[in-house]
Amino acid sequence: MHERPPTLQIQGTFLAFDFGSERIGVAVGNSISASAQALTTVHGNQNEKRFVDIAELVREWQPAALIVGLPSHPDGVPHEMTRLSQRFARRLKGRFSLPVILVDERYTSTAASTQLNDMGIRGIKQKLLLDQYAAQQILQAYFDEPAAGIYV
């Protein structure tokens, strides 16, 4: 089901996703610099359109791997979005034949909101950017501790 290859060290560009039912935040980063940047937000709840937009990002960035945030309750107990994020990760793997890695995303939205507040971005402007900055937090968490990732 899930494996953690202990010797697998993926190098190159990564795309990370903060999956949501209405929006998917996307970030990009590189293993050499080990830093992540917010990229964009994919909008809508129509899967086919979302995957067309994601396919364009994959074509443009040519990532070596995809990172997906894995939500759970603060105590680690899974909930409905946990299952939906895992399903999204499996679909990414099936469509793009790239390594897909799940990363614990607890508190990433809070960290992203703090980051945006520090930049002076609040209210509706923050809502428009929050998901992509949460994806940045997810990708940075992977770069900081790649062994914590769960391979799909």
N, C-alpha and C. Protein backbone atom coordinates (compact mmCIF):
# COMPACT_ATOMS: atom_id res chain seq x y z
N MET A 1 0.83 -1.19 0.00
CA MET A 1 0.00 0.00 0.00
C MET A 1 0.87 1.25 0.00
N HIS A 2 1.49 1.59 1.11
CA HIS A 2 2.41 2.73 1.17
C HIS A 2 3.80 2.17 1.45
N GLU A 3 4.76 2.74 0.78
CA GLU A 3 6.13 2.30 1.01
C GLU A 3 7.01 3.51 1.23
N ARG A 4 8.07 3.31 1.93
CA ARG A 4 9.04 4.37 2.17
C ARG A 4 10.40 3.87 1.72
N PRO A 5 10.74 4.04 0.46
CA PRO A 5 12.05 3.58 0.02
C PRO A 5 13.15 4.36 0.75
N PRO A 6 13.91 3.69 1.60
CA PRO A 6 14.89 4.41 2.42
C PRO A 6 16.04 5.00 1.62
N THR A 7 16.32 4.46 0.45
CA THR A 7 17.47 4.95 -0.30
C THR A 7 17.08 5.86 -1.46
N LEU A 8 15.78 6.02 -1.70
CA LEU A 8 15.35 6.84 -2.82
C LEU A 8 15.55 8.31 -2.50
N GLN A 9 16.38 8.96 -3.29
CA GLN A 9 16.63 10.39 -3.11
C GLN A 9 16.29 11.06 -4.43
N ILE A 10 15.13 11.66 -4.51
CA ILE A 10 14.67 12.28 -5.74
C ILE A 10 15.30 13.67 -5.86
N GLN A 11 15.84 13.95 -7.03
CA GLN A 11 16.46 15.24 -7.30
C GLN A 11 15.71 15.94 -8.42
N GLY A 12 15.61 17.24 -8.32
CA GLY A 12 14.99 18.01 -9.39
C GLY A 12 13.88 18.91 -8.89
N THR A 13 12.98 19.23 -9.80
CA THR A 13 11.86 20.10 -9.51
C THR A 13 10.71 19.29 -8.93
N PHE A 14 10.00 19.89 -7.98
CA PHE A 14 8.84 19.27 -7.36
C PHE A 14 7.65 20.21 -7.51
N LEU A 15 6.47 19.64 -7.70
CA LEU A 15 5.23 20.39 -7.57
C LEU A 15 4.51 19.84 -6.34
N ALA A 16 3.95 20.75 -5.54
CA ALA A 16 3.22 20.34 -4.34
C ALA A 16 1.79 20.85 -4.43
N PHE A 17 0.87 20.08 -3.83
CA PHE A 17 -0.54 20.39 -3.90
C PHE A 17 -1.17 20.40 -2.52
N ASP A 18 -1.94 21.45 -2.25
CA ASP A 18 -2.80 21.51 -1.08
C ASP A 18 -4.21 21.30 -1.60
N PHE A 19 -4.68 20.05 -1.49
CA PHE A 19 -5.94 19.65 -2.10
C PHE A 19 -7.13 20.16 -1.30
N GLY A 20 -8.12 20.67 -2.03
CA GLY A 20 -9.38 21.08 -1.43
C GLY A 20 -10.51 20.82 -2.40
N SER A 21 -11.73 20.79 -1.90
CA SER A 21 -12.87 20.47 -2.76
C SER A 21 -13.18 21.60 -3.75
N GLU A 22 -12.84 22.84 -3.42
CA GLU A 22 -13.08 23.96 -4.33
C GLU A 22 -11.81 24.49 -4.98
N ARG A 23 -10.69 24.39 -4.27
CA ARG A 23 -9.41 24.93 -4.75
C ARG A 23 -8.28 23.96 -4.43
N ILE A 24 -7.27 23.98 -5.30
CA ILE A 24 -6.04 23.22 -5.06
C ILE A 24 -4.89 24.21 -5.15
N GLY A 25 -4.23 24.43 -4.03
CA GLY A 25 -3.06 25.28 -4.03
C GLY A 25 -1.88 24.53 -4.60
N VAL A 26 -1.03 25.23 -5.36
CA VAL A 26 0.12 24.60 -5.99
C VAL A 26 1.38 25.42 -5.67
N ALA A 27 2.44 24.70 -5.35
CA ALA A 27 3.74 25.32 -5.11
C ALA A 27 4.78 24.58 -5.93
N VAL A 28 5.90 25.22 -6.14
CA VAL A 28 7.00 24.63 -6.89
C VAL A 28 8.28 24.81 -6.10
N GLY A 29 9.19 23.88 -6.26
CA GLY A 29 10.48 24.00 -5.59
C GLY A 29 11.47 23.06 -6.23
N ASN A 30 12.72 23.18 -5.80
CA ASN A 30 13.79 22.38 -6.36
C ASN A 30 14.60 21.77 -5.23
N SER A 31 14.96 20.51 -5.40
CA SER A 31 15.70 19.81 -4.35
C SER A 31 17.09 20.39 -4.13
N ILE A 32 17.67 21.03 -5.13
CA ILE A 32 19.02 21.59 -4.98
C ILE A 32 19.00 22.78 -4.03
N SER A 33 18.04 23.69 -4.22
CA SER A 33 17.93 24.83 -3.31
C SER A 33 17.14 24.48 -2.06
N ALA A 34 16.39 23.38 -2.11
CA ALA A 34 15.55 22.92 -0.99
C ALA A 34 14.65 24.04 -0.50
N SER A 35 14.10 24.79 -1.45
CA SER A 35 13.18 25.85 -1.07
C SER A 35 11.96 25.80 -1.99
N ALA A 36 10.82 26.21 -1.43
CA ALA A 36 9.55 26.16 -2.13
C ALA A 36 8.99 27.56 -2.30
N GLN A 37 8.25 27.75 -3.40
CA GLN A 37 7.58 29.01 -3.67
C GLN A 37 6.13 28.74 -4.05
N ALA A 38 5.23 29.57 -3.56
CA ALA A 38 3.83 29.49 -3.97
C ALA A 38 3.78 29.73 -5.48
N LEU A 39 2.91 29.00 -6.17
CA LEU A 39 2.86 29.09 -7.63
C LEU A 39 1.50 29.59 -8.13
N THR A 40 0.44 28.85 -7.83
CA THR A 40 -0.88 29.19 -8.37
C THR A 40 -1.94 28.44 -7.58
N THR A 41 -3.19 28.73 -7.92
CA THR A 41 -4.32 28.00 -7.36
C THR A 41 -5.18 27.49 -8.51
N VAL A 42 -5.49 26.20 -8.48
CA VAL A 42 -6.39 25.60 -9.45
C VAL A 42 -7.78 25.68 -8.85
N HIS A 43 -8.71 26.30 -9.59
CA HIS A 43 -10.05 26.54 -9.08
C HIS A 43 -11.06 25.58 -9.69
N GLY A 44 -12.17 25.41 -8.98
CA GLY A 44 -13.29 24.63 -9.49
C GLY A 44 -13.38 23.27 -8.86
N ASN A 45 -14.55 22.66 -9.03
CA ASN A 45 -14.76 21.32 -8.46
C ASN A 45 -14.99 20.27 -9.54
N GLN A 46 -14.74 20.62 -10.79
CA GLN A 46 -14.84 19.65 -11.88
C GLN A 46 -13.49 18.97 -12.07
N ASN A 47 -13.43 17.67 -11.74
CA ASN A 47 -12.15 16.96 -11.77
C ASN A 47 -11.44 17.05 -13.10
N GLU A 48 -12.17 16.89 -14.19
CA GLU A 48 -11.50 16.86 -15.49
C GLU A 48 -10.81 18.19 -15.78
N LYS A 49 -11.48 19.30 -15.48
CA LYS A 49 -10.86 20.62 -15.69
C LYS A 49 -9.65 20.79 -14.77
N ARG A 50 -9.78 20.35 -13.54
CA ARG A 50 -8.66 20.47 -12.61
C ARG A 50 -7.44 19.71 -13.13
N PHE A 51 -7.68 18.50 -13.65
CA PHE A 51 -6.56 17.70 -14.13
C PHE A 51 -5.98 18.24 -15.44
N VAL A 52 -6.78 18.91 -16.24
CA VAL A 52 -6.25 19.59 -17.42
C VAL A 52 -5.29 20.70 -16.98
N ASP A 53 -5.71 21.48 -15.98
CA ASP A 53 -4.86 22.56 -15.46
C ASP A 53 -3.58 21.99 -14.84
N ILE A 54 -3.72 20.90 -14.10
CA ILE A 54 -2.54 20.29 -13.47
C ILE A 54 -1.62 19.71 -14.54
N ALA A 55 -2.19 19.10 -15.58
CA ALA A 55 -1.36 18.55 -16.67
C ALA A 55 -0.54 19.66 -17.33
N GLU A 56 -1.11 20.84 -17.45
CA GLU A 56 -0.37 21.97 -18.03
C GLU A 56 0.80 22.35 -17.12
N LEU A 57 0.58 22.34 -15.82
CA LEU A 57 1.66 22.65 -14.87
C LEU A 57 2.76 21.58 -14.93
N VAL A 58 2.36 20.33 -15.03
CA VAL A 58 3.33 19.23 -15.12
C VAL A 58 4.14 19.38 -16.42
N ARG A 59 3.47 19.70 -17.51
CA ARG A 59 4.18 19.90 -18.78
C ARG A 59 5.17 21.06 -18.68
N GLU A 60 4.73 22.14 -18.07
CA GLU A 60 5.56 23.34 -17.98
C GLU A 60 6.76 23.14 -17.06
N TRP A 61 6.55 22.54 -15.91
CA TRP A 61 7.61 22.45 -14.89
C TRP A 61 8.40 21.15 -14.94
N GLN A 62 7.89 20.11 -15.61
CA GLN A 62 8.59 18.82 -15.73
C GLN A 62 9.10 18.33 -14.37
N PRO A 63 8.22 18.15 -13.40
CA PRO A 63 8.69 17.77 -12.06
C PRO A 63 9.21 16.34 -12.00
N ALA A 64 10.14 16.13 -11.06
CA ALA A 64 10.66 14.79 -10.78
C ALA A 64 9.71 14.04 -9.87
N ALA A 65 8.91 14.77 -9.09
CA ALA A 65 7.96 14.16 -8.16
C ALA A 65 6.87 15.16 -7.82
N LEU A 66 5.77 14.61 -7.30
CA LEU A 66 4.63 15.41 -6.87
C LEU A 66 4.42 15.18 -5.38
N ILE A 67 4.14 16.25 -4.65
CA ILE A 67 3.90 16.19 -3.21
C ILE A 67 2.45 16.57 -2.97
N VAL A 68 1.77 15.81 -2.13
CA VAL A 68 0.39 16.11 -1.79
C VAL A 68 0.27 16.19 -0.27
N GLY A 69 -0.34 17.27 0.20
CA GLY A 69 -0.58 17.42 1.63
C GLY A 69 -1.61 16.41 2.11
N LEU A 70 -1.32 15.80 3.26
CA LEU A 70 -2.21 14.81 3.85
C LEU A 70 -2.81 15.40 5.13
N PRO A 71 -4.08 15.83 5.05
CA PRO A 71 -4.70 16.43 6.23
C PRO A 71 -5.15 15.37 7.23
N SER A 72 -5.24 15.78 8.48
CA SER A 72 -5.80 14.94 9.53
C SER A 72 -6.17 15.86 10.69
N HIS A 73 -6.87 15.28 11.66
CA HIS A 73 -7.17 16.03 12.87
C HIS A 73 -5.85 16.32 13.59
N PRO A 74 -5.83 17.32 14.49
CA PRO A 74 -4.59 17.66 15.21
C PRO A 74 -3.93 16.46 15.91
N ASP A 75 -4.73 15.47 16.33
CA ASP A 75 -4.16 14.30 16.99
C ASP A 75 -3.73 13.21 16.00
N GLY A 76 -3.83 13.52 14.70
CA GLY A 76 -3.39 12.58 13.67
C GLY A 76 -4.47 11.65 13.16
N VAL A 77 -5.66 11.71 13.73
CA VAL A 77 -6.75 10.84 13.29
C VAL A 77 -7.25 11.31 11.92
N PRO A 78 -7.39 10.38 10.97
CA PRO A 78 -7.86 10.74 9.63
C PRO A 78 -9.31 11.22 9.65
N HIS A 79 -9.70 11.97 8.63
CA HIS A 79 -11.08 12.39 8.43
C HIS A 79 -11.39 12.34 6.94
N GLU A 80 -12.54 12.86 6.52
CA GLU A 80 -12.96 12.75 5.12
C GLU A 80 -11.96 13.36 4.15
N MET A 81 -11.40 14.52 4.47
CA MET A 81 -10.42 15.14 3.57
C MET A 81 -9.13 14.31 3.48
N THR A 82 -8.83 13.54 4.51
CA THR A 82 -7.67 12.64 4.45
C THR A 82 -7.89 11.65 3.30
N ARG A 83 -9.06 11.03 3.29
CA ARG A 83 -9.39 10.05 2.26
C ARG A 83 -9.40 10.69 0.87
N LEU A 84 -9.98 11.88 0.75
CA LEU A 84 -10.05 12.54 -0.55
C LEU A 84 -8.66 12.96 -1.04
N SER A 85 -7.80 13.38 -0.15
CA SER A 85 -6.43 13.74 -0.53
C SER A 85 -5.65 12.51 -0.98
N GLN A 86 -5.85 11.38 -0.31
CA GLN A 86 -5.19 10.14 -0.72
C GLN A 86 -5.66 9.71 -2.11
N ARG A 87 -6.96 9.87 -2.35
CA ARG A 87 -7.52 9.53 -3.66
C ARG A 87 -6.93 10.45 -4.74
N PHE A 88 -6.85 11.73 -4.45
CA PHE A 88 -6.24 12.69 -5.38
C PHE A 88 -4.79 12.30 -5.68
N ALA A 89 -4.04 11.90 -4.65
CA ALA A 89 -2.64 11.48 -4.83
C ALA A 89 -2.56 10.26 -5.74
N ARG A 90 -3.44 9.29 -5.54
CA ARG A 90 -3.44 8.10 -6.40
C ARG A 90 -3.77 8.47 -7.85
N ARG A 91 -4.68 9.41 -8.03
CA ARG A 91 -5.03 9.85 -9.39
C ARG A 91 -3.85 10.56 -10.06
N LEU A 92 -3.14 11.38 -9.30
CA LEU A 92 -1.95 12.03 -9.86
C LEU A 92 -0.95 10.98 -10.32
N LYS A 93 -0.71 9.98 -9.48
CA LYS A 93 0.26 8.93 -9.83
C LYS A 93 -0.20 8.19 -11.09
N GLY A 94 -1.47 7.87 -11.17
CA GLY A 94 -2.00 7.14 -12.32
C GLY A 94 -1.94 7.96 -13.60
N ARG A 95 -2.21 9.24 -13.51
CA ARG A 95 -2.24 10.09 -14.71
C ARG A 95 -0.86 10.50 -15.20
N PHE A 96 0.06 10.72 -14.28
CA PHE A 96 1.34 11.32 -14.67
C PHE A 96 2.54 10.39 -14.52
N SER A 97 2.33 9.21 -13.93
CA SER A 97 3.41 8.21 -13.77
C SER A 97 4.67 8.82 -13.14
N LEU A 98 4.46 9.66 -12.14
CA LEU A 98 5.56 10.27 -11.39
C LEU A 98 5.48 9.78 -9.94
N PRO A 99 6.60 9.80 -9.23
CA PRO A 99 6.51 9.51 -7.80
C PRO A 99 5.59 10.54 -7.13
N VAL A 100 4.70 10.06 -6.27
CA VAL A 100 3.80 10.93 -5.52
C VAL A 100 4.03 10.64 -4.04
N ILE A 101 4.24 11.70 -3.29
CA ILE A 101 4.59 11.58 -1.88
C ILE A 101 3.59 12.38 -1.04
N LEU A 102 3.02 11.72 -0.05
CA LEU A 102 2.11 12.38 0.88
C LEU A 102 2.91 12.96 2.04
N VAL A 103 2.56 14.18 2.45
CA VAL A 103 3.26 14.88 3.53
C VAL A 103 2.21 15.42 4.50
N ASP A 104 2.41 15.19 5.78
CA ASP A 104 1.52 15.70 6.82
C ASP A 104 1.35 17.21 6.65
N GLU A 105 0.10 17.64 6.55
CA GLU A 105 -0.13 19.06 6.32
C GLU A 105 -0.77 19.76 7.52
N ARG A 106 -0.77 19.12 8.68
CA ARG A 106 -1.36 19.78 9.84
C ARG A 106 -0.67 21.12 10.09
N TYR A 107 -1.46 22.14 10.30
CA TYR A 107 -1.03 23.50 10.64
C TYR A 107 -0.41 24.27 9.47
N THR A 108 -0.40 23.71 8.26
CA THR A 108 0.20 24.46 7.15
C THR A 108 -0.65 25.67 6.76
N SER A 109 -1.98 25.56 6.85
CA SER A 109 -2.82 26.71 6.52
C SER A 109 -2.62 27.82 7.54
N THR A 110 -2.43 27.44 8.81
CA THR A 110 -2.17 28.44 9.85
C THR A 110 -0.83 29.13 9.58
N ALA A 111 0.19 28.34 9.25
CA ALA A 111 1.51 28.91 8.96
C ALA A 111 1.44 29.80 7.72
N ALA A 112 0.67 29.37 6.71
CA ALA A 112 0.53 30.17 5.49
C ALA A 112 -0.19 31.49 5.79
N SER A 113 -1.22 31.44 6.62
CA SER A 113 -1.94 32.66 6.99
C SER A 113 -1.03 33.62 7.74
N THR A 114 -0.22 33.10 8.64
CA THR A 114 0.75 33.93 9.37
C THR A 114 1.74 34.57 8.41
N GLN A 115 2.23 33.77 7.45
CA GLN A 115 3.18 34.28 6.45
C GLN A 115 2.55 35.42 5.65
N LEU A 116 1.31 35.23 5.21
CA LEU A 116 0.63 36.26 4.44
C LEU A 116 0.34 37.50 5.30
N ASN A 117 -0.05 37.29 6.56
CA ASN A 117 -0.24 38.43 7.48
C ASN A 117 1.05 39.24 7.60
N ASP A 118 2.17 38.52 7.74
CA ASP A 118 3.47 39.18 7.86
C ASP A 118 3.82 39.99 6.61
N MET A 119 3.27 39.57 5.47
CA MET A 119 3.48 40.28 4.21
C MET A 119 2.46 41.40 4.02
N GLY A 120 1.55 41.57 4.99
CA GLY A 120 0.54 42.61 4.91
C GLY A 120 -0.66 42.23 4.06
N ILE A 121 -0.83 40.95 3.79
CA ILE A 121 -1.94 40.48 2.96
C ILE A 121 -3.00 39.88 3.88
N ARG A 122 -4.19 40.48 3.84
CA ARG A 122 -5.27 40.05 4.74
C ARG A 122 -6.60 40.00 3.98
N GLY A 123 -7.60 39.46 4.65
CA GLY A 123 -8.96 39.46 4.12
C GLY A 123 -9.11 38.65 2.85
N ILE A 124 -9.88 39.18 1.90
CA ILE A 124 -10.17 38.46 0.66
C ILE A 124 -8.90 38.23 -0.16
N LYS A 125 -7.96 39.16 -0.11
CA LYS A 125 -6.70 38.96 -0.83
C LYS A 125 -5.96 37.75 -0.28
N GLN A 126 -6.03 37.57 1.05
CA GLN A 126 -5.37 36.41 1.65
C GLN A 126 -6.07 35.11 1.23
N LYS A 127 -7.40 35.13 1.21
CA LYS A 127 -8.15 33.93 0.83
C LYS A 127 -7.76 33.46 -0.57
N LEU A 128 -7.52 34.40 -1.47
CA LEU A 128 -7.16 34.06 -2.84
C LEU A 128 -5.78 33.39 -2.94
N LEU A 129 -4.91 33.65 -1.97
CA LEU A 129 -3.53 33.14 -2.01
C LEU A 129 -3.27 32.00 -1.02
N LEU A 130 -4.16 31.82 -0.06
CA LEU A 130 -3.89 30.92 1.06
C LEU A 130 -3.53 29.50 0.64
N ASP A 131 -4.25 28.94 -0.33
CA ASP A 131 -4.01 27.54 -0.71
C ASP A 131 -2.63 27.34 -1.33
N GLN A 132 -2.20 28.27 -2.15
CA GLN A 132 -0.88 28.11 -2.76
C GLN A 132 0.23 28.32 -1.73
N TYR A 133 0.00 29.17 -0.75
CA TYR A 133 1.00 29.34 0.31
C TYR A 133 0.99 28.15 1.26
N ALA A 134 -0.16 27.51 1.44
CA ALA A 134 -0.20 26.26 2.21
C ALA A 134 0.56 25.17 1.46
N ALA A 135 0.42 25.12 0.13
CA ALA A 135 1.19 24.16 -0.67
C ALA A 135 2.69 24.42 -0.53
N GLN A 136 3.06 25.69 -0.46
CA GLN A 136 4.47 26.03 -0.24
C GLN A 136 4.94 25.48 1.11
N GLN A 137 4.13 25.62 2.14
CA GLN A 137 4.47 25.09 3.47
C GLN A 137 4.62 23.56 3.42
N ILE A 138 3.74 22.90 2.68
CA ILE A 138 3.79 21.44 2.55
C ILE A 138 5.09 21.02 1.87
N LEU A 139 5.43 21.68 0.77
CA LEU A 139 6.65 21.33 0.05
C LEU A 139 7.88 21.63 0.88
N GLN A 140 7.88 22.76 1.58
CA GLN A 140 9.03 23.08 2.43
C GLN A 140 9.18 22.05 3.54
N ALA A 141 8.06 21.57 4.08
CA ALA A 141 8.12 20.52 5.11
C ALA A 141 8.77 19.26 4.55
N TYR A 142 8.46 18.92 3.29
CA TYR A 142 9.09 17.76 2.66
C TYR A 142 10.59 17.99 2.49
N PHE A 143 10.98 19.17 1.99
CA PHE A 143 12.41 19.46 1.82
C PHE A 143 13.14 19.41 3.16
N ASP A 144 12.49 19.88 4.23
CA ASP A 144 13.13 19.90 5.54
C ASP A 144 13.25 18.51 6.14
N GLU A 145 12.30 17.60 5.79
CA GLU A 145 12.32 16.24 6.35
C GLU A 145 11.76 15.23 5.34
N PRO A 146 12.55 14.93 4.30
CA PRO A 146 12.03 14.04 3.25
C PRO A 146 11.68 12.63 3.74
N ALA A 147 12.34 12.17 4.78
CA ALA A 147 12.06 10.82 5.29
C ALA A 147 10.65 10.70 5.87
N ALA A 148 10.01 11.83 6.17
CA ALA A 148 8.65 11.79 6.73
C ALA A 148 7.59 11.59 5.65
N GLY A 149 7.97 11.71 4.38
CA GLY A 149 7.02 11.53 3.29
C GLY A 149 6.61 10.07 3.14
N ILE A 150 5.37 9.87 2.71
CA ILE A 150 4.83 8.53 2.47
C ILE A 150 4.60 8.38 0.97
N TYR A 151 5.27 7.44 0.37
CA TYR A 151 5.14 7.22 -1.07
C TYR A 151 3.84 6.49 -1.38
N VAL A 152 3.13 7.02 -2.41
CA VAL A 152 1.87 6.41 -2.84
C VAL A 152 2.17 5.25 -3.75
